[in-house]
């Protein structure tokens, strides 16, 4: 268990209070200040915490049960969904300290925005993220022109596309760097300056929507996820997040 999570649960502390204790050097792990908030605790470790009423010391013999929690985050464009990236701002640079314990479920690329789920329970991450769950994700996409009947057929029936968004000849099997891509459904509407698409996916590959639309000769101006199964972005503003108990 991570040190920050243990402090919050064991001592019933708000995340901000736990962080303040760590930042002020009032938490000692095995008689030394911990390297960071995400230090992994082990059974047998000695923990010492200085509270206003005095210092409490204890030997860790068991870990408290963690309630499964899910975070809904409205990812802005320009933010990378990654644990660490030396060249870009990641979601964890924008989320509060301590949220590195929450693992993202699926991804949105740097140029896309919208609903991203994170969970503190590996089983929940697997249940929501594995294609076998059959969870439908909904996206709003802007492209340059209407899809014609042949292009719509390609989107719905699927085709093999490489990493650069180039269609591979019919009758071939996917090779390294190629995927069979399709949409569960797609609706389109002509607007004044662009075409608006509502796309639904179950299994998503890397840059799935962008690659398939590029293979159809379309330029994507914007891509925004509005729903992940029963979870909706609703009125969650860009950059905001909310915590949900499962």
Foldseek 3Di string as FASTA:
>chain_A
DFQLVQCCVVVVDDSVVSVVQLVVQQKAKQNHRDPDRRDDDDQQIWIWGADPVGIDIDGHHDGDDDFKKKKKAWADAQEFDDLDDPPGHHLCNLDDPPCSLWHWQDTDHNRATEIIMTINDVVVSCCQRPLVVQKKWKKKWWKQDDQDPVLLCCQAVWFKFFQVLATDDPPDDDDPRIDTAHFPDKDWDDDDGTIIIITMHRDDDDCRVCSSVVNSVIDIPYMYIADTHPDGCPPQDHSGMDMDGD
